[in-house]
Amino acid sequence: MSSGNEIHSRNPERHEALVHRYDSIIIGAGHNGLVCANYLARSGQKVLVLESSENVGGLASTREFYPGFRTAIAHTVSHFSLKVSRELELESHGFKPGDAPLATIGLSKDHHHVVIAGDELKGVHQKDLYAYRDYAAFMQRFSDLLNPFWLKTVPRVGNNSLPEILSFASLGLNLRLLGKDAMREFLRIITLPMRDLMDENFDNDILKAMLSWDGLVGSRLAPRSPNHAVFALLYRMCGNLHQSTTGVHGLVTALHSSATASGVEIRTGTPVQRILVGEHEQRLAATGVELLDSEIIEASKIISSADPKSTFLDLVGVEHLEIGFTNRIRRLRSDGFVAKLHLALDELPAFTGLKNPDGRMIIAPNLDAIEFAFDDSKYGQCSEKPVMEVVIPTLQDSSLAPTDQHVLSAQVMYVPYQLKGGWNEQAREQFCERAIDTLEQYAPGIRKHILHQELLTPFDLEQTYGNTGGHWHHTEFSLDQLFMMRPTYEAAQYSTPIKGLHLCGAGCHPGGGLMGGPGHNAAREILR
């Protein structure tokens, strides 16, 4: 194999373009792309990462939205893999997650807030205190059951090798080790709507809403949606890191530093126009990439951390895919339902009833409020009463704003990617004002401290970050698009119908969020 020597393209139409060769090219420098690149480089491969934007990190990259004020779309770190962190030695590159859990606060208009800080619950009656203790214990037990499988390749069904059969068997064995009663309970709740799970266990409306949030945020799910919200909740519980707003920038910086130290070459501001496909041993194979400026770069392996639709429909092209596979990719549900609200504030906002807004604040007075907001989004409308998750990241990292000034970052649910009538400045400004009106109910006077406001809809996230539909997980986190079916069969074990083309993004198992599993698993499969 050539080791990076420059040669002229053999394509007569591209004599002017230089061709470089690598062992692996990774498209996209999001956290999964960086994880995958790092593992491959540590194995001795010559690895190139190509990123279209000027910064690495994807949705976790820190961006300036107003002079001196910065934040990231993914504004907290909670379930990044400790295994990946240890193996890539991220601590030695400056990654230090929070020393203590970031409190989750269910805001109440009557100032009777509900607070979960570590294992402690405040603001509810004794009955819910006891119920929460039992609930937290059995949910953590079920999350621990699934933990080993997030960092493994889930085998395809049928014609399995012995190791693959043993992988399925280990899940069954772990279920049996739960005991008969616990196993039955796991199989029962795993398909429950979040509403039923909450109503079975608790009375307090705010507690129900805030506990359901992590199973719903980032997806097209509501409390009454069946079959998969509990799976999403258990997935977000899998990490051992404390929920932290400081960790986002630190994580991306450490991944970048670690990858570079391992020998990974990273080129930002370098959009890929298409994946080159040729024929190898009577089978279509990926041979390299063509950049937007017509530069050709060859490699033995092409690994995409972009979403499946972008990868196959835009970069590969349907002319290289079978019609059945193409149709399954087109049918992937990938419309996002989360908007990001950023406020630059001249001082720390005062939330009534809180001494210090140093936590993850949930504005959702009850499960109906979440359900009704979801109902509006189904018909291409924005709710009159938005529900949202709010953090003040400058309380954890003062470098994100000028001295004594602050950033407010909010994830607003449910905001449709396809707004009825389309997204324009008027529609964006109208909904932004509605979100700020909602904040005013809990932080009176916050509007007068706003220096600048920004609302990024799912449509804006698609335009800025390139993820189809602006979906966090690249494709919906649902039972028909999970495990050995994620994103779809023939592309669910990080390989694809195109020889030498692999996937490592959030559209792969186990899914999105700052976890690192897709990048870790893809690298392991490629190195096999």
Protein backbone atom coordinates (compact mmCIF):
# COMPACT_ATOMS: atom_id res chain seq x y z
CA MET A 1 0.00 0.00 0.00
CA SER A 2 1.20 3.49 -0.76
CA SER A 3 1.84 5.43 2.44
CA GLY A 4 0.67 8.94 1.68
CA ASN A 5 2.82 9.61 -1.38
CA GLU A 6 1.28 12.06 -3.84
CA ILE A 7 0.41 10.63 -7.26
CA HIS A 8 -1.56 11.98 -10.19
CA SER A 9 -5.10 10.71 -10.66
CA ARG A 10 -5.47 8.17 -13.43
CA ASN A 11 -8.80 9.73 -14.32
CA PRO A 12 -8.05 11.66 -17.55
CA GLU A 13 -10.59 14.32 -16.62
CA ARG A 14 -8.75 15.09 -13.38
CA HIS A 15 -5.09 15.33 -14.33
CA GLU A 16 -4.79 18.53 -12.30
CA ALA A 17 -5.98 16.89 -9.04
CA LEU A 18 -3.49 15.25 -6.70
CA VAL A 19 -4.37 11.92 -5.09
CA HIS A 20 -3.32 11.05 -1.55
CA ARG A 21 -3.73 7.64 0.04
CA TYR A 22 -4.61 6.61 3.59
CA ASP A 23 -5.62 3.42 5.34
CA SER A 24 -8.87 5.00 6.55
CA ILE A 25 -10.74 8.22 5.85
CA ILE A 26 -13.40 9.32 8.31
CA ILE A 27 -16.05 11.76 7.13
CA GLY A 28 -17.07 14.07 9.96
CA ALA A 29 -15.22 15.14 13.12
CA GLY A 30 -18.07 14.77 15.56
CA HIS A 31 -17.24 12.97 18.79
CA ASN A 32 -17.95 9.54 17.27
CA GLY A 33 -15.73 10.26 14.28
CA LEU A 34 -12.92 11.33 16.61
CA VAL A 35 -13.36 8.24 18.80
CA CYS A 36 -13.26 5.92 15.80
CA ALA A 37 -10.25 7.70 14.28
CA ASN A 38 -8.36 7.51 17.57
CA TYR A 39 -8.82 3.75 17.92
CA LEU A 40 -7.80 3.12 14.30
CA ALA A 41 -4.70 5.29 14.58
CA ARG A 42 -3.64 3.56 17.79
CA SER A 43 -3.75 0.28 15.89
CA GLY A 44 -1.17 1.64 13.45
CA GLN A 45 -3.40 2.91 10.66
CA LYS A 46 -2.79 6.11 8.72
CA VAL A 47 -6.05 7.98 9.36
CA LEU A 48 -7.50 11.17 7.90
CA VAL A 49 -10.58 12.93 9.30
CA LEU A 50 -12.40 15.36 7.01
CA GLU A 51 -14.74 17.93 8.60
CA SER A 52 -16.81 20.37 6.56
CA SER A 53 -17.07 23.03 9.29
CA GLU A 54 -14.20 24.99 10.79
CA ASN A 55 -14.48 23.26 14.18
CA VAL A 56 -14.45 19.67 15.40
CA GLY A 57 -17.16 18.25 17.65
CA GLY A 58 -20.34 18.41 15.56
CA LEU A 59 -23.32 19.18 17.78
CA ALA A 60 -20.94 19.22 20.77
CA SER A 61 -18.70 21.92 19.30
CA THR A 62 -18.63 25.19 21.21
CA ARG A 63 -19.77 28.09 19.07
CA GLU A 64 -19.93 31.85 19.57
CA PHE A 65 -23.52 33.02 19.07
CA TYR A 66 -22.85 36.62 20.16
CA PRO A 67 -19.50 38.39 20.62
CA GLY A 68 -17.93 36.91 23.77
CA PHE A 69 -20.78 34.43 24.41
CA ARG A 70 -20.33 30.74 23.57
CA THR A 71 -22.19 27.47 24.06
CA ALA A 72 -22.79 24.08 22.41
CA ILE A 73 -25.94 22.46 21.03
CA ALA A 74 -25.28 19.42 23.25
CA HIS A 75 -25.05 21.36 26.49
CA THR A 76 -24.42 18.60 29.05
CA VAL A 77 -22.32 15.44 29.33
CA SER A 78 -23.75 12.55 31.32
CA HIS A 79 -23.26 9.16 29.70
CA PHE A 80 -19.97 9.26 27.83
CA SER A 81 -18.36 5.83 28.14
CA LEU A 82 -15.81 5.51 30.93
CA LYS A 83 -14.27 2.60 29.00
CA VAL A 84 -13.65 4.82 25.98
CA SER A 85 -12.38 7.63 28.20
CA ARG A 86 -9.87 5.32 29.86
CA GLU A 87 -8.70 3.60 26.67
CA LEU A 88 -8.16 6.89 24.86
CA GLU A 89 -6.53 8.43 27.96
CA LEU A 90 -8.78 11.45 27.81
CA GLU A 91 -8.01 12.55 31.36
CA SER A 92 -4.37 13.11 30.40
CA HIS A 93 -5.68 15.38 27.63
CA GLY A 94 -7.68 17.54 30.03
CA PHE A 95 -11.10 15.85 30.19
CA LYS A 96 -12.42 16.28 33.71
CA PRO A 97 -16.15 15.72 34.14
CA GLY A 98 -18.03 17.32 37.01
CA ASP A 99 -17.03 16.49 40.56
CA ALA A 100 -20.66 16.09 41.59
CA PRO A 101 -23.91 15.37 39.75
CA LEU A 102 -25.61 18.33 38.16
CA ALA A 103 -28.92 18.64 39.99
CA THR A 104 -32.13 18.20 38.01
CA ILE A 105 -34.79 20.70 39.05
CA GLY A 106 -38.45 20.49 38.14
CA LEU A 107 -39.56 24.12 38.19
CA SER A 108 -42.92 25.03 39.70
CA LYS A 109 -44.84 28.25 39.22
CA ASP A 110 -45.77 28.22 42.92
CA HIS A 111 -42.05 27.90 43.79
CA HIS A 112 -42.41 24.37 45.19
CA HIS A 113 -39.65 23.03 43.01
CA VAL A 114 -38.75 19.35 42.88
CA VAL A 115 -35.00 18.68 43.07
CA ILE A 116 -33.00 15.52 42.39
CA ALA A 117 -29.36 15.88 43.45
CA GLY A 118 -27.46 12.61 43.33
CA ASP A 119 -29.52 10.07 45.25
CA GLU A 120 -31.44 12.75 47.13
CA LEU A 121 -34.97 13.86 46.21
CA LYS A 122 -36.54 17.02 47.63
CA GLY A 123 -39.89 18.75 47.24
CA VAL A 124 -42.29 15.78 47.27
CA HIS A 125 -44.38 13.97 49.85
CA GLN A 126 -43.10 10.99 51.82
CA LYS A 127 -44.92 8.49 49.62
CA ASP A 128 -43.07 9.65 46.53
CA LEU A 129 -39.76 9.72 48.44
CA TYR A 130 -40.10 6.00 49.21
CA ALA A 131 -41.38 5.25 45.70
CA TYR A 132 -38.43 7.08 44.13
CA ARG A 133 -35.93 5.07 46.14
CA ASP A 134 -37.39 1.81 44.84
CA TYR A 135 -37.87 3.16 41.31
CA ALA A 136 -34.28 4.41 41.04
CA ALA A 137 -32.94 1.06 42.27
CA PHE A 138 -34.82 -1.15 39.82
CA MET A 139 -34.29 1.20 36.86
CA GLN A 140 -30.55 1.27 37.56
CA ARG A 141 -30.56 -2.51 37.76
CA PHE A 142 -32.23 -2.73 34.36
CA SER A 143 -29.83 -0.14 32.91
CA ASP A 144 -26.89 -2.18 34.22
CA LEU A 145 -28.33 -5.23 32.47
CA LEU A 146 -28.13 -3.46 29.10
CA ASN A 147 -24.84 -1.62 29.72
CA PRO A 148 -22.53 -4.30 28.24
CA PHE A 149 -24.48 -4.34 24.97
CA TRP A 150 -24.12 -0.64 24.16
CA LEU A 151 -20.40 -1.20 23.50
CA LYS A 152 -20.85 -4.38 21.50
CA THR A 153 -21.90 -5.09 17.94
CA VAL A 154 -25.36 -6.59 17.99
CA PRO A 155 -25.23 -9.56 15.57
CA ARG A 156 -27.62 -9.76 12.63
CA VAL A 157 -30.34 -12.35 12.93
CA GLY A 158 -29.72 -15.61 11.07
CA ASN A 159 -26.63 -17.60 9.97
CA ASN A 160 -24.73 -16.50 13.07
CA SER A 161 -21.21 -17.53 13.99
CA LEU A 162 -20.51 -19.08 17.38
CA PRO A 163 -19.31 -15.76 18.92
CA GLU A 164 -22.48 -14.06 17.68
CA ILE A 165 -24.68 -16.81 19.12
CA LEU A 166 -22.84 -16.44 22.43
CA SER A 167 -23.50 -12.70 22.34
CA PHE A 168 -27.26 -13.33 22.12
CA ALA A 169 -26.96 -16.02 24.80
CA SER A 170 -25.22 -13.66 27.21
CA LEU A 171 -28.18 -11.28 27.13
CA GLY A 172 -30.54 -14.15 27.90
CA LEU A 173 -28.27 -15.30 30.73
CA ASN A 174 -28.15 -11.82 32.22
CA LEU A 175 -31.94 -11.68 32.10
CA ARG A 176 -32.17 -14.98 33.95
CA LEU A 177 -29.69 -13.76 36.57
CA LEU A 178 -32.11 -10.97 37.40
CA GLY A 179 -34.40 -13.57 38.89
CA LYS A 180 -37.82 -14.59 37.67
CA ASP A 181 -39.75 -11.68 39.17
CA ALA A 182 -37.29 -8.99 38.06
CA MET A 183 -37.06 -10.52 34.58
CA ARG A 184 -40.83 -10.41 34.22
CA GLU A 185 -40.88 -6.80 35.39
CA PHE A 186 -38.14 -5.83 32.93
CA LEU A 187 -39.99 -7.42 30.01
CA ARG A 188 -43.20 -5.70 31.12
CA ILE A 189 -41.94 -2.15 31.53
CA ILE A 190 -39.62 -2.14 28.52
CA THR A 191 -42.58 -1.56 26.19
CA LEU A 192 -44.64 0.63 28.52
CA PRO A 193 -45.52 4.18 27.53
CA MET A 194 -43.66 6.57 29.82
CA ARG A 195 -47.00 7.84 31.11
CA ASP A 196 -47.93 4.42 32.46
CA LEU A 197 -44.54 3.91 34.10
CA MET A 198 -44.75 7.28 35.86
CA ASP A 199 -48.40 6.90 36.94
CA GLU A 200 -47.67 3.47 38.39
CA ASN A 201 -44.95 4.84 40.65
CA PHE A 202 -45.59 8.48 41.57
CA ASP A 203 -48.23 11.06 42.48
CA ASN A 204 -46.34 14.35 42.05
CA ASP A 205 -46.97 15.78 38.58
CA ILE A 206 -43.68 17.68 38.30
CA LEU A 207 -41.70 14.64 39.43
CA LYS A 208 -43.38 12.51 36.76
CA ALA A 209 -42.57 15.05 34.05
CA MET A 210 -38.93 15.52 35.02
CA LEU A 211 -38.26 11.76 35.36
CA SER A 212 -39.79 11.10 31.95
CA TRP A 213 -37.76 13.87 30.26
CA ASP A 214 -34.62 11.86 29.55
CA GLY A 215 -36.65 9.16 27.82
CA LEU A 216 -38.32 11.69 25.53
CA VAL A 217 -35.89 14.51 24.74
CA GLY A 218 -34.29 14.45 21.32
CA SER A 219 -36.87 12.17 19.74
CA ARG A 220 -40.38 12.02 18.37
CA LEU A 221 -41.77 10.52 21.55
CA ALA A 222 -44.39 11.68 24.02
CA PRO A 223 -45.52 10.26 27.38
CA ARG A 224 -48.21 8.15 25.74
CA SER A 225 -45.94 6.88 22.93
CA PRO A 226 -45.60 3.08 23.20
CA ASN A 227 -42.67 0.71 22.90
CA HIS A 228 -39.44 2.63 23.14
CA ALA A 229 -39.27 5.63 25.53
CA VAL A 230 -38.13 3.38 28.39
CA PHE A 231 -35.34 2.02 26.18
CA ALA A 232 -34.21 5.60 25.52
CA LEU A 233 -34.27 6.34 29.25
CA LEU A 234 -32.18 3.27 30.10
CA TYR A 235 -29.72 4.21 27.37
CA ARG A 236 -29.22 7.68 28.85
CA MET A 237 -28.71 6.08 32.28
CA CYS A 238 -25.83 3.92 31.05
CA GLY A 239 -23.00 6.36 31.71
CA ASN A 240 -21.04 6.64 34.92
CA LEU A 241 -20.04 10.27 34.43
CA HIS A 242 -21.75 13.03 36.36
CA GLN A 243 -24.12 15.25 34.38
CA SER A 244 -21.95 18.28 33.72
CA THR A 245 -22.02 21.43 31.60
CA THR A 246 -18.24 21.86 31.84
CA GLY A 247 -17.56 18.49 30.26
CA VAL A 248 -18.86 19.26 26.76
CA HIS A 249 -16.06 21.57 25.65
CA GLY A 250 -13.52 19.58 27.66
CA LEU A 251 -14.62 16.31 26.09
CA VAL A 252 -14.31 17.56 22.51
CA THR A 253 -10.98 19.24 23.23
CA ALA A 254 -9.62 16.05 24.83
CA LEU A 255 -10.84 13.86 21.95
CA HIS A 256 -9.20 16.20 19.45
CA SER A 257 -5.95 16.29 21.41
CA SER A 258 -5.88 12.53 21.97
CA ALA A 259 -6.57 11.77 18.30
CA THR A 260 -3.85 14.15 17.15
CA ALA A 261 -1.39 12.63 19.61
CA SER A 262 -2.25 9.19 18.19
CA GLY A 263 -1.30 10.37 14.70
CA VAL A 264 -4.72 11.22 13.27
CA GLU A 265 -4.65 13.93 10.60
CA ILE A 266 -7.67 16.23 10.88
CA ARG A 267 -8.67 18.70 8.18
CA THR A 268 -11.45 21.16 9.02
CA GLY A 269 -13.22 23.35 6.50
CA THR A 270 -13.00 20.45 4.06
CA PRO A 271 -16.39 19.31 2.73
CA VAL A 272 -16.62 15.92 1.03
CA GLN A 273 -18.57 16.07 -2.24
CA ARG A 274 -18.92 12.34 -2.83
CA ILE A 275 -17.65 8.91 -1.89
CA LEU A 276 -15.89 7.28 -4.83
CA VAL A 277 -17.21 3.83 -5.70
CA GLY A 278 -15.53 1.37 -8.06
CA GLU A 279 -15.56 -2.37 -8.65
CA HIS A 280 -13.37 -4.77 -6.69
CA GLU A 281 -13.55 -8.56 -7.05
CA GLN A 282 -16.93 -8.29 -8.83
CA ARG A 283 -18.38 -6.20 -6.02
CA LEU A 284 -18.86 -2.45 -5.62
CA ALA A 285 -16.28 -0.99 -3.27
CA ALA A 286 -15.48 2.44 -1.80
CA THR A 287 -12.10 3.59 -3.08
CA GLY A 288 -11.82 7.14 -1.77
CA VAL A 289 -13.50 10.53 -1.60
CA GLU A 290 -13.73 13.59 -3.79
CA LEU A 291 -13.67 16.93 -2.01
CA LEU A 292 -15.69 19.98 -2.98
CA ASP A 293 -12.61 21.44 -4.67
CA SER A 294 -12.23 18.25 -6.79
CA GLU A 295 -9.27 16.89 -4.80
CA ILE A 296 -9.24 13.08 -4.78
CA ILE A 297 -8.14 11.19 -1.67
CA GLU A 298 -7.91 7.39 -1.73
CA ALA A 299 -8.16 4.93 1.17
CA SER A 300 -8.79 1.27 1.85
CA LYS A 301 -11.64 2.13 4.20
CA ILE A 302 -14.13 5.00 4.10
CA ILE A 303 -15.98 5.53 7.40
CA SER A 304 -18.87 7.97 7.60
CA SER A 305 -19.99 9.56 10.84
CA ALA A 306 -22.63 11.47 8.88
CA ASP A 307 -26.25 10.38 9.17
CA PRO A 308 -27.37 7.40 7.04
CA LYS A 309 -29.47 9.47 4.62
CA SER A 310 -26.64 11.89 3.91
CA THR A 311 -24.16 9.05 3.58
CA PHE A 312 -26.09 6.86 1.16
CA LEU A 313 -28.35 9.28 -0.72
CA ASP A 314 -25.97 12.24 -1.05
CA LEU A 315 -22.40 10.95 -0.77
CA VAL A 316 -22.70 7.45 -2.28
CA GLY A 317 -25.62 8.01 -4.64
CA VAL A 318 -28.58 5.74 -5.31
CA GLU A 319 -27.04 4.57 -8.59
CA HIS A 320 -24.68 2.43 -6.49
CA LEU A 321 -27.39 0.94 -4.25
CA GLU A 322 -30.10 -1.65 -4.69
CA ILE A 323 -33.62 -0.21 -4.83
CA GLY A 324 -34.80 -2.12 -1.74
CA PHE A 325 -31.95 -0.80 0.37
CA THR A 326 -32.43 2.72 -0.97
CA ASN A 327 -36.12 2.63 -0.07
CA ARG A 328 -35.34 1.53 3.49
CA ILE A 329 -32.89 4.40 3.89
CA ARG A 330 -35.43 6.89 2.51
CA ARG A 331 -38.03 5.61 5.00
CA LEU A 332 -35.82 6.21 8.05
CA ARG A 333 -37.56 8.66 10.37
CA SER A 334 -35.12 11.51 10.87
CA ASP A 335 -37.11 14.70 11.42
CA GLY A 336 -35.87 16.48 14.55
CA PHE A 337 -38.17 17.91 17.23
CA VAL A 338 -35.80 19.93 19.44
CA ALA A 339 -34.88 23.59 19.04
CA LYS A 340 -32.04 25.34 20.85
CA LEU A 341 -32.58 28.69 22.53
CA HIS A 342 -29.47 30.71 23.45
CA LEU A 343 -29.59 33.92 25.50
CA ALA A 344 -26.68 36.26 26.19
CA LEU A 345 -27.44 37.86 29.58
CA ASP A 346 -25.87 40.85 31.30
CA GLU A 347 -26.26 39.19 34.71
CA LEU A 348 -27.26 35.92 36.34
CA PRO A 349 -31.03 35.38 35.98
CA ALA A 350 -33.04 35.02 39.19
CA PHE A 351 -35.40 32.03 39.20
CA THR A 352 -38.04 32.50 41.87
CA GLY A 353 -37.63 30.00 44.72
CA LEU A 354 -34.05 29.06 43.78
CA LYS A 355 -31.01 30.45 45.57
CA ASN A 356 -28.86 29.60 42.57
CA PRO A 357 -29.99 28.22 39.18
CA ASP A 358 -27.04 25.82 39.14
CA GLY A 359 -28.71 22.74 37.71
CA ARG A 360 -30.63 21.27 34.83
CA MET A 361 -34.03 22.98 35.09
CA ILE A 362 -37.04 21.29 33.52
CA ILE A 363 -40.04 23.43 32.59
CA ALA A 364 -42.86 20.90 32.22
CA PRO A 365 -45.55 21.23 34.92
CA ASN A 366 -47.03 17.81 34.17
CA LEU A 367 -47.12 14.99 31.64
CA ASP A 368 -50.11 16.53 29.87
CA ALA A 369 -48.06 19.66 29.12
CA ILE A 370 -45.49 17.47 27.36
CA GLU A 371 -48.17 15.48 25.54
CA PHE A 372 -50.02 18.58 24.31
CA ALA A 373 -46.80 20.16 23.03
CA PHE A 374 -46.10 16.93 21.14
CA ASP A 375 -49.63 16.92 19.70
CA ASP A 376 -49.09 20.38 18.24
CA SER A 377 -45.81 19.33 16.61
CA LYS A 378 -47.45 16.35 14.88
CA TYR A 379 -49.43 18.81 12.80
CA GLY A 380 -46.49 21.08 12.00
CA GLN A 381 -47.23 23.63 14.71
CA CYS A 382 -45.35 24.97 17.72
CA SER A 383 -46.94 24.76 21.14
CA GLU A 384 -48.35 27.87 22.79
CA LYS A 385 -46.83 26.48 26.02
CA PRO A 386 -43.35 25.13 25.22
CA VAL A 387 -41.66 22.60 27.48
CA MET A 388 -37.90 22.83 27.85
CA GLU A 389 -34.67 21.95 29.63
CA VAL A 390 -32.66 24.97 30.77
CA VAL A 391 -29.05 25.29 31.97
CA ILE A 392 -26.76 28.21 32.77
CA PRO A 393 -23.43 26.78 31.55
CA THR A 394 -21.47 29.84 32.70
CA LEU A 395 -22.04 28.79 36.32
CA GLN A 396 -19.83 25.78 35.56
CA ASP A 397 -17.48 27.43 33.05
CA SER A 398 -17.11 31.21 33.36
CA SER A 399 -14.98 31.37 30.18
CA LEU A 400 -18.13 31.02 28.07
CA ALA A 401 -19.11 34.69 28.64
CA PRO A 402 -17.53 38.02 29.62
CA THR A 403 -16.93 38.61 33.33
CA ASP A 404 -20.11 38.65 35.44
CA GLN A 405 -22.27 37.92 32.38
CA HIS A 406 -23.97 34.66 31.54
CA VAL A 407 -25.28 32.28 28.89
CA LEU A 408 -28.65 30.56 29.10
CA SER A 409 -28.99 27.43 26.97
CA ALA A 410 -32.35 25.70 26.55
CA GLN A 411 -33.51 22.62 24.66
CA VAL A 412 -37.08 23.37 23.61
CA MET A 413 -39.46 20.49 22.85
CA TYR A 414 -41.42 19.91 20.58
CA VAL A 415 -40.45 22.05 17.62
CA PRO A 416 -41.22 20.54 14.20
CA TYR A 417 -38.59 20.34 11.49
CA GLN A 418 -41.34 20.91 8.95
CA LEU A 419 -43.32 23.87 10.26
CA LYS A 420 -46.70 24.43 8.68
CA GLY A 421 -46.07 27.32 6.28
CA GLY A 422 -42.28 26.89 6.55
CA TRP A 423 -39.62 28.40 8.79
CA ASN A 424 -38.81 32.07 8.17
CA GLU A 425 -37.50 34.92 10.32
CA GLN A 426 -41.00 35.92 11.42
CA ALA A 427 -41.93 32.39 12.51
CA ARG A 428 -38.57 31.92 14.25
CA GLU A 429 -38.84 35.25 16.10
CA GLN A 430 -42.44 34.56 17.11
CA PHE A 431 -41.60 31.21 18.69
CA CYS A 432 -38.44 32.59 20.30
CA GLU A 433 -40.54 35.26 22.03
CA ARG A 434 -42.97 32.56 23.15
CA ALA A 435 -40.13 30.58 24.71
CA ILE A 436 -38.85 33.69 26.51
CA ASP A 437 -42.38 34.41 27.76
CA THR A 438 -42.36 30.91 29.26
CA LEU A 439 -39.02 31.58 30.97
CA GLU A 440 -40.43 34.84 32.37
CA GLN A 441 -43.00 32.85 34.34
CA TYR A 442 -40.18 31.21 36.32
CA ALA A 443 -37.51 33.93 36.13
CA PRO A 444 -39.44 37.24 36.23
CA GLY A 445 -37.56 40.12 34.62
CA ILE A 446 -35.19 37.93 32.61
CA ARG A 447 -36.18 39.67 29.37
CA LYS A 448 -34.66 43.01 30.41
CA HIS A 449 -31.27 41.33 30.90
CA ILE A 450 -31.12 39.82 27.38
CA LEU A 451 -28.31 41.24 25.25
CA HIS A 452 -28.95 38.83 22.38
CA GLN A 453 -31.24 35.90 21.66
CA GLU A 454 -30.92 33.05 19.17
CA LEU A 455 -33.29 30.24 18.27
CA LEU A 456 -32.04 27.32 16.18
CA THR A 457 -34.87 25.14 14.88
CA PRO A 458 -34.32 21.55 13.67
CA PHE A 459 -34.24 23.03 10.15
CA ASP A 460 -31.45 25.41 11.24
CA LEU A 461 -29.53 22.54 12.85
CA GLU A 462 -29.70 20.64 9.56
CA GLN A 463 -28.40 23.65 7.63
CA THR A 464 -25.59 24.35 10.11
CA TYR A 465 -24.46 20.86 11.09
CA GLY A 466 -25.57 18.77 8.10
CA ASN A 467 -27.59 16.16 10.04
CA THR A 468 -30.68 15.31 8.00
CA GLY A 469 -33.82 16.71 9.61
CA GLY A 470 -31.80 18.21 12.44
CA HIS A 471 -32.27 15.00 14.41
CA TRP A 472 -29.95 14.46 17.40
CA HIS A 473 -29.80 10.69 16.88
CA HIS A 474 -29.57 10.95 13.06
CA THR A 475 -32.57 8.62 12.93
CA GLU A 476 -35.38 7.95 15.38
CA PHE A 477 -34.59 5.99 18.54
CA SER A 478 -37.35 3.38 18.24
CA LEU A 479 -37.63 -0.40 18.43
CA ASP A 480 -37.72 -0.86 14.65
CA GLN A 481 -34.52 1.21 14.37
CA LEU A 482 -32.56 -0.17 17.34
CA PHE A 483 -29.96 -2.86 18.02
CA MET A 484 -29.49 -5.21 15.01
CA MET A 485 -31.88 -3.03 12.99
CA ARG A 486 -30.07 0.31 13.43
CA PRO A 487 -30.25 2.07 11.04
CA THR A 488 -31.56 -0.81 8.89
CA TYR A 489 -30.50 -4.32 8.01
CA GLU A 490 -27.52 -4.59 5.63
CA ALA A 491 -26.05 -1.52 7.39
CA ALA A 492 -26.56 -2.40 11.05
CA GLN A 493 -23.19 -3.86 12.00
CA TYR A 494 -21.17 -0.78 10.90
CA SER A 495 -20.59 -2.27 7.44
CA THR A 496 -22.66 -1.49 4.34
CA PRO A 497 -23.55 -3.09 0.97
CA ILE A 498 -20.55 -1.17 -0.45
CA LYS A 499 -17.32 -3.04 0.34
CA GLY A 500 -14.92 -0.89 2.38
CA LEU A 501 -17.63 1.61 3.37
CA HIS A 502 -18.51 1.73 7.06
CA LEU A 503 -20.68 3.82 9.39
CA CYS A 504 -19.69 5.18 12.82
CA GLY A 505 -22.23 7.92 13.58
CA ALA A 506 -25.27 8.31 15.82
CA GLY A 507 -27.41 6.50 13.25
CA CYS A 508 -25.62 3.27 14.27
CA HIS A 509 -26.06 1.16 17.39
CA PRO A 510 -26.36 2.22 20.16
CA GLY A 511 -27.49 5.72 19.13
CA GLY A 512 -26.90 9.43 19.68
CA GLY A 513 -26.00 11.52 22.67
CA LEU A 514 -22.47 12.07 23.93
CA MET A 515 -21.73 8.41 24.59
CA GLY A 516 -19.07 7.39 22.06
CA GLY A 517 -20.47 3.89 21.50
CA PRO A 518 -20.91 4.04 17.71
CA GLY A 519 -17.34 5.25 17.18
CA HIS A 520 -15.92 2.62 19.55
CA ASN A 521 -17.92 -0.24 18.06
CA ALA A 522 -17.26 0.72 14.45
CA ALA A 523 -13.50 0.86 15.04
CA ARG A 524 -13.56 -2.58 16.64
CA GLU A 525 -15.44 -4.06 13.68
CA ILE A 526 -13.13 -2.40 11.14
CA LEU A 527 -10.03 -3.70 12.94
CA ARG A 528 -11.40 -7.24 12.82
